[in-house]
Each structure stands twice: as structure tokens, then as C-alpha cells.
Amino acid sequence: MSSPVPVSFIFLLILLVMGIVWFVTPKGPNQTLIRTSLMLTLACCYLMWAVTYLAQVYPLESTCYTSVWRSR
């Protein structure tokens, strides 16, 4: 089976980038808007990646190999 290491590693990487975004955003009247937009974008990208990755690793239905012809 697959390991949870890639999902955990990317999650920690995204948290690190969010922390950097928190401290690097420029001061001004739109600081909260810029911070929120960037952090929400990172969170949505991570969720999309995680759902796609996990759907490929753990599919809901297994493949079914049936054929019309019977071999003799």
C-alpha cells in the first residue's frame, strides 16, 4: 500500500509557505485581504492535490476484468 509520507510532507510544506506569507505580506490597508487570498489559495490547491492523489492511491472501485468471449 501507499505511505502517508507524501501527503504529510506536502501539508507541512504548505504550512511553512503559509507562515512565510503571513510575515512577508506588505503593510497597508489591504494587508488582511492579500494574506487571506494567498493563504486560501494555498489551502485550496493543497486540498485539490490531496484529493486527486488519494483518489488515485485508494480508488473507490477496483478494476473488473470481464470479457465477452470465454477462452477455451
C-alpha atoms as a PDB file:
ATOM      1  CA  MET A   1       0.000   0.000   0.000  1.00  0.00           C
ATOM      2  CA  SER A   2       0.936   3.613  -0.143  1.00  0.00           C
ATOM      3  CA  SER A   3       2.578   5.590   2.579  1.00  0.00           C
ATOM      4  CA  PRO A   4       1.102   8.769   4.113  1.00  0.00           C
ATOM      5  CA  VAL A   5       4.504  10.455   3.839  1.00  0.00           C
ATOM      6  CA  PRO A   6       3.856  12.445   0.609  1.00  0.00           C
ATOM      7  CA  VAL A   7       0.579  13.886   1.897  1.00  0.00           C
ATOM      8  CA  SER A   8       2.136  14.796   5.251  1.00  0.00           C
ATOM      9  CA  PHE A   9       5.249  16.278   3.638  1.00  0.00           C
ATOM     10  CA  ILE A  10       3.258  18.477   1.246  1.00  0.00           C
ATOM     11  CA  PHE A  11       0.974  19.527   4.127  1.00  0.00           C
ATOM     12  CA  LEU A  12       3.962  20.644   6.201  1.00  0.00           C
ATOM     13  CA  LEU A  13       5.421  22.413   3.171  1.00  0.00           C
ATOM     14  CA  ILE A  14       2.153  24.295   2.608  1.00  0.00           C
ATOM     15  CA  LEU A  15       2.038  25.259   6.302  1.00  0.00           C
ATOM     16  CA  LEU A  16       5.581  26.597   6.014  1.00  0.00           C
ATOM     17  CA  VAL A  17       4.678  28.645   2.936  1.00  0.00           C
ATOM     18  CA  MET A  18       1.572  29.966   4.730  1.00  0.00           C
ATOM     19  CA  GLY A  19       3.755  31.058   7.635  1.00  0.00           C
ATOM     20  CA  ILE A  20       6.091  32.842   5.244  1.00  0.00           C
ATOM     21  CA  VAL A  21       3.129  34.539   3.546  1.00  0.00           C
ATOM     22  CA  TRP A  22       1.855  35.710   6.943  1.00  0.00           C
ATOM     23  CA  PHE A  23       5.082  37.590   7.707  1.00  0.00           C
ATOM     24  CA  VAL A  24       6.044  38.748   4.194  1.00  0.00           C
ATOM     25  CA  THR A  25       2.828  40.468   3.105  1.00  0.00           C
ATOM     26  CA  PRO A  26       3.334  44.214   2.765  1.00  0.00           C
ATOM     27  CA  LYS A  27       1.825  46.588   5.291  1.00  0.00           C
ATOM     28  CA  GLY A  28      -1.103  48.623   4.124  1.00  0.00           C
ATOM     29  CA  PRO A  29      -4.864  48.869   4.083  1.00  0.00           C
ATOM     30  CA  ASN A  30      -5.211  45.649   2.054  1.00  0.00           C
ATOM     31  CA  GLN A  31      -2.823  43.508   4.104  1.00  0.00           C
ATOM     32  CA  THR A  32      -5.596  41.324   5.513  1.00  0.00           C
ATOM     33  CA  LEU A  33      -7.132  40.832   2.065  1.00  0.00           C
ATOM     34  CA  ILE A  34      -3.801  39.863   0.499  1.00  0.00           C
ATOM     35  CA  ARG A  35      -2.975  37.495   3.365  1.00  0.00           C
ATOM     36  CA  THR A  36      -6.375  35.843   3.269  1.00  0.00           C
ATOM     37  CA  SER A  37      -6.351  35.481  -0.517  1.00  0.00           C
ATOM     38  CA  LEU A  38      -2.903  33.906  -0.659  1.00  0.00           C
ATOM     39  CA  MET A  39      -3.482  31.547   2.252  1.00  0.00           C
ATOM     40  CA  LEU A  40      -6.886  30.483   0.938  1.00  0.00           C
ATOM     41  CA  THR A  41      -5.350  29.854  -2.489  1.00  0.00           C
ATOM     42  CA  LEU A  42      -2.657  27.664  -0.936  1.00  0.00           C
ATOM     43  CA  ALA A  43      -5.232  25.741   1.106  1.00  0.00           C
ATOM     44  CA  CYS A  44      -7.448  25.124  -1.936  1.00  0.00           C
ATOM     45  CA  CYS A  45      -4.509  23.994  -4.065  1.00  0.00           C
ATOM     46  CA  TYR A  46      -3.401  21.589  -1.332  1.00  0.00           C
ATOM     47  CA  LEU A  47      -6.901  20.153  -0.944  1.00  0.00           C
ATOM     48  CA  MET A  48      -7.253  19.675  -4.706  1.00  0.00           C
ATOM     49  CA  TRP A  49      -3.879  17.953  -4.895  1.00  0.00           C
ATOM     50  CA  ALA A  50      -4.582  15.755  -1.846  1.00  0.00           C
ATOM     51  CA  VAL A  51      -7.996  14.631  -3.109  1.00  0.00           C
ATOM     52  CA  THR A  52      -6.581  13.822  -6.555  1.00  0.00           C
ATOM     53  CA  TYR A  53      -3.587  11.980  -5.107  1.00  0.00           C
ATOM     54  CA  LEU A  54      -5.617   9.961  -2.619  1.00  0.00           C
ATOM     55  CA  ALA A  55      -8.245   9.109  -5.243  1.00  0.00           C
ATOM     56  CA  GLN A  56      -5.507   7.545  -7.354  1.00  0.00           C
ATOM     57  CA  VAL A  57      -3.887   5.731  -4.437  1.00  0.00           C
ATOM     58  CA  TYR A  58      -7.130   4.414  -2.921  1.00  0.00           C
ATOM     59  CA  PRO A  59      -9.713   4.066  -5.717  1.00  0.00           C
ATOM     60  CA  LEU A  60     -13.338   3.581  -4.704  1.00  0.00           C
ATOM     61  CA  GLU A  61     -13.907   0.756  -7.165  1.00  0.00           C
ATOM     62  CA  SER A  62     -11.424  -1.872  -8.174  1.00  0.00           C
ATOM     63  CA  THR A  63     -10.924  -2.725 -11.800  1.00  0.00           C
ATOM     64  CA  CYS A  64     -13.063  -5.535 -13.076  1.00  0.00           C
ATOM     65  CA  TYR A  65     -11.613  -7.582 -15.914  1.00  0.00           C
ATOM     66  CA  THR A  66     -14.502  -9.200 -17.696  1.00  0.00           C
ATOM     67  CA  SER A  67     -14.691 -10.099 -21.311  1.00  0.00           C
ATOM     68  CA  VAL A  68     -17.471 -11.127 -23.585  1.00  0.00           C
ATOM     69  CA  TRP A  69     -15.531 -14.052 -25.017  1.00  0.00           C
ATOM     70  CA  ARG A  70     -14.755 -17.123 -23.000  1.00  0.00           C
ATOM     71  CA  SER A  71     -11.423 -18.727 -23.586  1.00  0.00           C
ATOM     72  CA  ARG A  72     -11.439 -22.482 -24.043  1.00  0.00           C
END
